Amino acid sequence: MTTEDAPKSRMARDVELLWGLDASPRRRGPKPRLSREVVVRAALHVADAEGIEAVSMQRVSKELGYTTMSLYRHVDSKEDLLVLMLDTAMEEAPPGPRADGDRRAGLEEWCHATLELYRRRSWMVQVAFSGPPGGPNGLRWMEAGLRELVGAGLEVGEAVQMLVLLSAALRESVRLETDMARAARSTGNTLAEVERDYGRGLRRVVTEEEFPTVALMLREQVLEPKTTAEAPEGAGEPTRELDFGIQRVLDGIESYVRTKGAIGGA
């Protein structure tokens, strides 16, 4: 078996799929009404409106008014459809380089833009992670994040590791928030009400002797939703309190780069 004949890994196949390298040459004649792009756009509409659980080849075909089998001429499987959806959902351009060259501020902007993307399309964080970005849109976001990290003084290998850490923190925080909000809605409550009830419940069982730090957390009302003018409703949601953690990660990167520079210049 030659190298070309060897089975492709899922990630290698995804790259071909996302860049259209697997597509048959276009035949002459009028452009067909149904295409891969049309199928993916319809699937995005279903996911945005009804959640990722609603997405299926049958549901998307119904959205388009075609038979389910007709979709398989353009997308081989639901797994492929999800891969295409994720990259298309990231078509909004990531933040570009800052004019002032402030790498830390640039990375903060990248993190906030990523959060906003996940908030707008929270179904994205519910799709199982299958590997690093392989499509044009995902790679643009990856390039933007790596650009800031390498510009801050990290080696490219170090930058990749830090980008994985930041991306995972952002993704999982939004997933946690989404899951909690969904659970709250299933009981007819808001996330703020659930958090408030959780604190009240803990106060009935937590003692200073057994859980001194948890008791301190309750005394300082860390879990209580803040609804002042400075902290509007929803300020207690996990993703809206990520800035502290992000800032500490960035502090660590700056400290590491300074230390590395001092050792290298010694």
Protein backbone atom coordinates (compact mmCIF):
# COMPACT_ATOMS: atom_id res chain seq x y z
CA MET A 1 0.00 0.00 0.00
CA THR A 2 1.40 3.39 -0.99
CA THR A 3 1.24 6.49 1.13
CA GLU A 4 -1.49 7.89 -1.12
CA ASP A 5 -3.55 4.70 -0.69
CA ALA A 6 -3.25 4.70 3.14
CA PRO A 7 -6.45 5.50 5.04
CA LYS A 8 -6.68 9.18 5.99
CA SER A 9 -7.02 10.28 9.60
CA ARG A 10 -10.18 12.11 10.58
CA MET A 11 -8.31 15.41 10.84
CA ALA A 12 -6.70 15.00 7.41
CA ARG A 13 -10.10 14.19 5.94
CA ASP A 14 -11.60 17.24 7.66
CA VAL A 15 -9.03 19.51 6.00
CA GLU A 16 -10.01 18.13 2.60
CA LEU A 17 -13.68 18.57 3.44
CA LEU A 18 -13.34 22.12 4.75
CA TRP A 19 -11.26 23.33 1.82
CA GLY A 20 -13.42 21.60 -0.77
CA LEU A 21 -10.59 19.30 -1.86
CA ASP A 22 -12.98 16.35 -1.82
CA ALA A 23 -15.53 18.00 -4.12
CA SER A 24 -16.11 16.74 -7.64
CA PRO A 25 -15.23 19.15 -10.47
CA ARG A 26 -18.13 21.44 -11.29
CA ARG A 27 -19.95 20.50 -14.45
CA ARG A 28 -20.92 23.02 -17.08
CA GLY A 29 -24.43 24.37 -17.03
CA PRO A 30 -26.62 26.32 -14.63
CA LYS A 31 -25.63 26.39 -10.99
CA PRO A 32 -27.64 23.79 -9.06
CA ARG A 33 -30.17 25.11 -6.54
CA LEU A 34 -28.90 22.74 -3.87
CA SER A 35 -25.23 22.82 -2.91
CA ARG A 36 -23.01 22.05 0.04
CA GLU A 37 -23.07 25.70 1.10
CA VAL A 38 -26.88 25.83 0.96
CA VAL A 39 -27.11 22.68 3.09
CA VAL A 40 -24.67 24.05 5.68
CA ARG A 41 -26.46 27.43 5.87
CA ALA A 42 -29.77 25.66 6.45
CA ALA A 43 -28.21 23.55 9.20
CA LEU A 44 -26.85 26.71 10.85
CA HIS A 45 -30.32 28.23 10.78
CA VAL A 46 -31.75 25.15 12.52
CA ALA A 47 -28.99 25.14 15.15
CA ASP A 48 -29.32 28.86 15.87
CA ALA A 49 -33.09 28.61 16.22
CA GLU A 50 -33.56 25.22 17.87
CA GLY A 51 -30.21 24.07 19.24
CA ILE A 52 -27.70 21.55 17.99
CA GLU A 53 -29.89 18.65 19.15
CA ALA A 54 -32.39 19.54 16.43
CA VAL A 55 -29.84 19.22 13.65
CA SER A 56 -30.18 16.07 11.58
CA MET A 57 -30.04 15.32 7.88
CA GLN A 58 -33.79 14.76 7.95
CA ARG A 59 -34.49 18.06 9.75
CA VAL A 60 -32.24 20.03 7.41
CA SER A 61 -33.82 18.45 4.34
CA LYS A 62 -37.22 19.48 5.68
CA GLU A 63 -35.93 23.03 6.19
CA LEU A 64 -34.85 23.12 2.55
CA GLY A 65 -37.83 21.30 1.10
CA TYR A 66 -35.77 18.47 -0.37
CA THR A 67 -35.61 14.75 0.29
CA THR A 68 -33.08 13.57 2.86
CA MET A 69 -31.27 11.50 0.23
CA SER A 70 -30.71 14.61 -1.89
CA LEU A 71 -28.56 16.10 0.89
CA TYR A 72 -26.18 13.14 0.81
CA ARG A 73 -25.12 14.16 -2.69
CA HIS A 74 -23.47 17.19 -1.08
CA VAL A 75 -22.62 16.11 2.49
CA ASP A 76 -21.69 12.51 3.24
CA SER A 77 -22.82 12.36 6.87
CA LYS A 78 -24.05 14.33 9.85
CA GLU A 79 -20.50 14.20 11.24
CA ASP A 80 -19.24 15.99 8.13
CA LEU A 81 -22.11 18.45 8.38
CA LEU A 82 -21.12 19.38 11.94
CA VAL A 83 -17.49 19.92 10.88
CA LEU A 84 -18.64 22.26 8.10
CA MET A 85 -21.06 24.06 10.41
CA LEU A 86 -18.41 24.82 13.02
CA ASP A 87 -16.03 26.39 10.53
CA THR A 88 -18.78 28.36 8.79
CA ALA A 89 -20.01 29.65 12.16
CA MET A 90 -16.58 31.27 12.62
CA GLU A 91 -16.75 33.26 9.37
CA GLU A 92 -16.74 36.59 11.22
CA ALA A 93 -13.20 37.93 11.07
CA PRO A 94 -11.19 37.78 14.32
CA PRO A 95 -9.64 40.96 15.72
CA GLY A 96 -6.76 42.24 13.64
CA PRO A 97 -3.38 43.50 14.88
CA ARG A 98 -3.62 46.59 17.07
CA ALA A 99 -2.17 49.80 15.68
CA ASP A 100 -0.37 50.45 18.98
CA GLY A 101 1.25 46.99 19.00
CA ASP A 102 -0.07 46.20 22.49
CA ARG A 103 0.05 42.40 22.44
CA ARG A 104 -1.63 41.92 25.79
CA ALA A 105 -4.57 44.10 24.79
CA GLY A 106 -4.68 42.27 21.47
CA LEU A 107 -4.94 38.92 23.22
CA GLU A 108 -7.66 40.28 25.53
CA GLU A 109 -9.61 41.35 22.44
CA TRP A 110 -9.18 37.88 20.94
CA CYS A 111 -10.50 36.25 24.13
CA HIS A 112 -13.51 38.57 24.34
CA ALA A 113 -14.30 38.10 20.65
CA THR A 114 -14.16 34.33 21.11
CA LEU A 115 -16.52 34.57 24.06
CA GLU A 116 -18.97 36.67 22.12
CA LEU A 117 -18.91 34.19 19.26
CA TYR A 118 -19.70 31.33 21.65
CA ARG A 119 -22.42 33.37 23.36
CA ARG A 120 -24.14 34.14 20.08
CA ARG A 121 -23.98 30.52 18.97
CA SER A 122 -23.77 28.55 22.20
CA TRP A 123 -24.55 25.33 20.32
CA MET A 124 -20.93 25.42 19.13
CA VAL A 125 -19.62 24.41 22.55
CA GLN A 126 -22.00 21.43 22.63
CA VAL A 127 -20.38 19.82 19.58
CA ALA A 128 -17.72 17.26 20.51
CA PHE A 129 -14.20 18.60 19.96
CA SER A 130 -12.43 16.51 17.32
CA GLY A 131 -9.15 18.36 16.87
CA PRO A 132 -7.51 21.70 16.05
CA PRO A 133 -8.98 23.99 13.40
CA GLY A 134 -8.64 22.75 9.84
CA GLY A 135 -10.86 25.09 7.85
CA PRO A 136 -10.19 28.60 6.56
CA ASN A 137 -12.26 30.38 9.21
CA GLY A 138 -10.99 28.37 12.16
CA LEU A 139 -7.41 28.85 10.99
CA ARG A 140 -7.92 32.62 10.81
CA TRP A 141 -8.94 32.65 14.46
CA MET A 142 -6.02 30.39 15.34
CA GLU A 143 -3.63 32.64 13.41
CA ALA A 144 -4.95 35.73 15.22
CA GLY A 145 -4.42 34.20 18.66
CA LEU A 146 -0.99 32.79 17.86
CA ARG A 147 0.05 36.14 16.35
CA GLU A 148 -0.50 37.90 19.67
CA LEU A 149 1.17 35.19 21.76
CA VAL A 150 4.24 34.92 19.56
CA GLY A 151 4.41 38.72 19.37
CA ALA A 152 4.37 38.81 23.18
CA GLY A 153 7.59 36.80 23.24
CA LEU A 154 6.57 33.13 23.32
CA GLU A 155 8.12 30.50 21.08
CA VAL A 156 5.57 29.21 18.59
CA GLY A 157 5.35 25.84 20.39
CA GLU A 158 4.72 27.64 23.68
CA ALA A 159 2.14 29.85 21.98
CA VAL A 160 0.24 26.81 20.72
CA GLN A 161 0.07 25.38 24.25
CA MET A 162 -1.17 28.66 25.69
CA LEU A 163 -3.77 29.06 22.94
CA VAL A 164 -5.07 25.56 23.70
CA LEU A 165 -5.35 26.48 27.39
CA LEU A 166 -7.17 29.76 26.72
CA SER A 167 -9.46 28.24 24.11
CA ALA A 168 -10.40 25.37 26.43
CA ALA A 169 -11.14 27.76 29.31
CA LEU A 170 -13.35 29.96 27.14
CA ARG A 171 -15.18 27.05 25.53
CA GLU A 172 -15.80 25.12 28.74
CA SER A 173 -16.93 28.20 30.64
CA VAL A 174 -19.58 28.94 28.02
CA ARG A 175 -20.58 25.28 27.95
CA LEU A 176 -20.97 25.31 31.74
CA GLU A 177 -23.04 28.47 31.60
CA THR A 178 -25.20 27.04 28.81
CA ASP A 179 -25.80 23.78 30.68
CA MET A 180 -26.66 25.61 33.89
CA ALA A 181 -29.02 27.99 32.12
CA ARG A 182 -30.74 25.08 30.38
CA ALA A 183 -31.16 23.23 33.67
CA ALA A 184 -32.57 26.38 35.25
CA ARG A 185 -35.09 26.87 32.44
CA SER A 186 -36.25 23.28 32.78
CA THR A 187 -37.44 24.11 36.31
CA GLY A 188 -38.94 27.46 35.33
CA ASN A 189 -36.19 29.51 36.96
CA THR A 190 -33.47 31.89 35.83
CA LEU A 191 -29.79 31.16 36.30
CA ALA A 192 -29.61 33.96 38.89
CA GLU A 193 -32.44 32.36 40.89
CA VAL A 194 -30.73 28.97 40.80
CA GLU A 195 -27.46 30.46 42.04
CA ARG A 196 -29.30 32.27 44.83
CA ASP A 197 -31.11 29.08 45.87
CA TYR A 198 -27.85 27.15 45.82
CA GLY A 199 -26.32 29.58 48.30
CA ARG A 200 -29.37 29.41 50.54
CA GLY A 201 -29.27 25.63 50.50
CA LEU A 202 -25.58 25.54 51.40
CA ARG A 203 -26.12 27.83 54.38
CA ARG A 204 -28.34 25.14 55.92
CA VAL A 205 -25.58 22.52 55.93
CA VAL A 206 -22.18 24.25 55.80
CA THR A 207 -20.40 24.75 59.11
CA GLU A 208 -17.28 26.77 59.90
CA GLU A 209 -15.62 23.71 61.44
CA GLU A 210 -16.00 21.37 58.46
CA PHE A 211 -15.97 23.79 55.51
CA PRO A 212 -14.29 27.01 56.70
CA THR A 213 -13.44 28.33 53.23
CA VAL A 214 -16.84 27.51 51.76
CA ALA A 215 -18.38 29.28 54.76
CA LEU A 216 -16.22 32.33 54.00
CA MET A 217 -17.47 32.23 50.39
CA LEU A 218 -21.06 32.24 51.63
CA ARG A 219 -20.44 35.07 54.10
CA GLU A 220 -18.97 37.21 51.33
CA GLN A 221 -21.95 36.34 49.09
CA VAL A 222 -19.72 35.32 46.21
CA LEU A 223 -22.56 33.30 44.69
CA GLU A 224 -25.18 36.00 45.04
CA PRO A 225 -26.13 37.55 41.66
CA LYS A 226 -25.21 41.23 41.46
CA THR A 227 -27.88 43.45 39.97
CA THR A 228 -26.60 46.95 40.69
CA ALA A 229 -26.08 49.56 37.99
CA GLU A 230 -22.40 48.63 37.88
CA ALA A 231 -23.16 44.89 37.72
CA PRO A 232 -26.40 44.23 35.82
CA GLU A 233 -28.47 41.07 35.87
CA GLY A 234 -26.37 38.14 34.72
CA ALA A 235 -23.08 39.47 36.07
CA GLY A 236 -22.65 36.31 38.10
CA GLU A 237 -22.61 34.06 35.03
CA PRO A 238 -19.34 32.11 34.70
CA THR A 239 -18.28 33.65 31.38
CA ARG A 240 -18.87 37.17 32.67
CA GLU A 241 -16.40 36.59 35.49
CA LEU A 242 -13.65 35.15 33.32
CA ASP A 243 -11.69 38.38 33.12
CA PHE A 244 -9.96 37.73 36.45
CA GLY A 245 -8.73 34.34 35.30
CA ILE A 246 -7.75 35.60 31.86
CA GLN A 247 -5.80 38.49 33.37
CA ARG A 248 -3.89 36.11 35.64
CA VAL A 249 -2.97 33.91 32.67
CA LEU A 250 -1.72 36.97 30.82
CA ASP A 251 0.22 38.04 33.93
CA GLY A 252 1.87 34.63 33.90
CA ILE A 253 2.81 34.93 30.23
CA GLU A 254 4.36 38.36 30.79
CA SER A 255 6.27 37.13 33.83
CA TYR A 256 7.55 34.09 31.95
CA VAL A 257 8.71 36.16 28.98
CA ARG A 258 10.51 38.64 31.27
CA THR A 259 12.21 35.82 33.15
CA LYS A 260 13.22 34.07 29.93
CA GLY A 261 14.58 37.34 28.58
CA ALA A 262 16.55 38.03 31.73
CA ILE A 263 18.09 34.52 31.68
CA GLY A 264 18.83 34.73 27.96
CA GLY A 265 20.48 38.10 28.36
CA ALA A 266 22.53 37.07 31.37
